[in-house]
Amino acid sequence: MLRVAIIGNGNISYAHVRGYLDLGDRCKITHLVDIVPSKSEAQKQMFDLDCQIHDDHRAILDAEDVDLVSVCTPPYVHAEIAINFLKAGKHVICEKPMAPSLAAGSL
């Protein structure tokens, strides 16, 4: 089973949650992360998720119950978040664009 964290709980993240839930027992959403925790709480309630909520992605970089991260934040922070999780050995799915330039994508 893939254990998933969703970083950024705005509009596009709802499609990610639905997609993971459609996979049934093959995936479990273990963490929701947003700088506005009430967004995570609302999503947790809406989908009846059994997961932890955080306001900073760095809090789960070393979490053992995260295999895959969906980065659904505003584009200007995609690269930093994705690179942090890749360096932590996690798989990453990132909404486009990854970075505004090649230089910014190689933090």
Protein backbone atom coordinates (compact mmCIF):
# COMPACT_ATOMS: atom_id res chain seq x y z
CA MET A 1 0.00 0.00 0.00
CA LEU A 2 1.27 3.47 -0.90
CA ARG A 3 1.10 5.95 1.94
CA VAL A 4 0.44 9.43 0.58
CA ALA A 5 0.89 12.97 1.85
CA ILE A 6 -0.84 15.83 0.09
CA ILE A 7 0.96 19.15 0.38
CA GLY A 8 -1.35 22.11 -0.22
CA ASN A 9 -5.06 21.62 0.31
CA GLY A 10 -6.54 24.12 -2.12
CA ASN A 11 -8.70 23.49 -5.19
CA ILE A 12 -6.53 21.08 -7.20
CA SER A 13 -5.84 18.89 -4.19
CA TYR A 14 -9.44 17.66 -4.19
CA ALA A 15 -8.81 15.90 -7.51
CA HIS A 16 -5.71 14.26 -6.02
CA VAL A 17 -7.64 13.07 -2.96
CA ARG A 18 -10.40 11.61 -5.13
CA GLY A 19 -7.82 9.87 -7.32
CA TYR A 20 -6.09 8.25 -4.37
CA LEU A 21 -9.40 7.23 -2.82
CA ASP A 22 -10.42 5.63 -6.14
CA LEU A 23 -7.42 3.31 -5.77
CA GLY A 24 -9.03 1.72 -2.72
CA ASP A 25 -6.71 -0.41 -0.60
CA ARG A 26 -3.71 0.37 -2.81
CA CYS A 27 -3.35 3.86 -1.27
CA LYS A 28 -3.88 5.54 2.07
CA ILE A 29 -3.70 9.27 2.63
CA THR A 30 -1.67 9.61 5.82
CA HIS A 31 -0.98 13.37 5.97
CA LEU A 32 -2.54 16.63 4.80
CA VAL A 33 -0.31 19.70 4.90
CA ASP A 34 -1.29 23.33 4.37
CA ILE A 35 -0.13 26.63 5.85
CA VAL A 36 -3.84 27.19 6.61
CA PRO A 37 -4.71 24.16 8.77
CA SER A 38 -8.45 24.80 8.46
CA LYS A 39 -8.20 23.82 4.77
CA SER A 40 -6.72 20.47 5.79
CA GLU A 41 -9.36 20.00 8.48
CA ALA A 42 -12.16 20.69 5.99
CA GLN A 43 -10.72 18.21 3.50
CA LYS A 44 -10.22 15.59 6.21
CA GLN A 45 -13.87 15.95 7.25
CA MET A 46 -15.23 16.06 3.70
CA PHE A 47 -13.54 12.80 2.69
CA ASP A 48 -13.65 11.18 6.15
CA LEU A 49 -9.88 10.70 6.13
CA ASP A 50 -7.90 9.10 8.94
CA CYS A 51 -4.76 11.22 8.64
CA GLN A 52 -2.56 13.72 10.42
CA ILE A 53 -2.61 17.45 9.70
CA HIS A 54 0.42 19.75 9.58
CA ASP A 55 1.06 23.38 8.69
CA ASP A 56 4.62 22.88 7.36
CA HIS A 57 5.83 20.22 4.93
CA ARG A 58 9.16 19.99 6.76
CA ALA A 59 7.36 18.33 9.67
CA ILE A 60 6.95 15.13 7.64
CA LEU A 61 10.13 14.96 5.58
CA ASP A 62 11.33 12.00 7.63
CA ALA A 63 7.91 10.47 8.30
CA GLU A 64 8.04 6.70 7.91
CA ASP A 65 4.37 6.57 6.89
CA VAL A 66 4.94 8.60 3.69
CA ASP A 67 5.96 6.91 0.44
CA LEU A 68 4.54 9.40 -2.04
CA VAL A 69 3.88 13.14 -1.90
CA SER A 70 1.47 15.12 -4.08
CA VAL A 71 2.63 18.74 -4.27
CA CYS A 72 -0.52 20.84 -4.83
CA THR A 73 0.76 24.21 -3.62
CA PRO A 74 1.09 27.47 -5.56
CA PRO A 75 3.76 27.11 -8.27
CA TYR A 76 6.34 29.41 -6.68
CA VAL A 77 7.01 26.83 -3.92
CA HIS A 78 6.81 23.64 -6.03
CA ALA A 79 10.56 23.27 -6.53
CA GLU A 80 11.54 23.77 -2.89
CA ILE A 81 8.94 21.31 -1.59
CA ALA A 82 9.55 18.68 -4.28
CA ILE A 83 13.33 18.83 -3.88
CA ASN A 84 13.05 18.59 -0.07
CA PHE A 85 10.99 15.41 -0.35
CA LEU A 86 13.17 13.90 -3.09
CA LYS A 87 16.24 14.46 -0.90
CA ALA A 88 14.33 12.72 1.90
CA GLY A 89 13.88 9.67 -0.36
CA LYS A 90 10.18 10.14 -1.11
CA HIS A 91 8.43 9.81 -4.46
CA VAL A 92 6.91 13.08 -5.68
CA ILE A 93 4.04 14.04 -7.97
CA CYS A 94 4.11 17.76 -8.66
CA GLU A 95 1.46 19.96 -10.22
CA LYS A 96 2.86 21.97 -13.09
CA PRO A 97 5.05 23.94 -13.38
CA MET A 98 7.85 22.38 -11.37
CA ALA A 99 9.80 25.66 -11.39
CA PRO A 100 9.80 28.96 -13.29
CA SER A 101 13.27 28.22 -14.73
CA LEU A 102 15.92 25.50 -14.89
CA ALA A 103 18.00 27.39 -12.33
CA ALA A 104 15.11 27.56 -9.86
CA GLY A 105 14.48 23.82 -10.27
CA SER A 106 17.98 22.91 -9.13
CA LEU A 107 17.93 24.41 -5.64
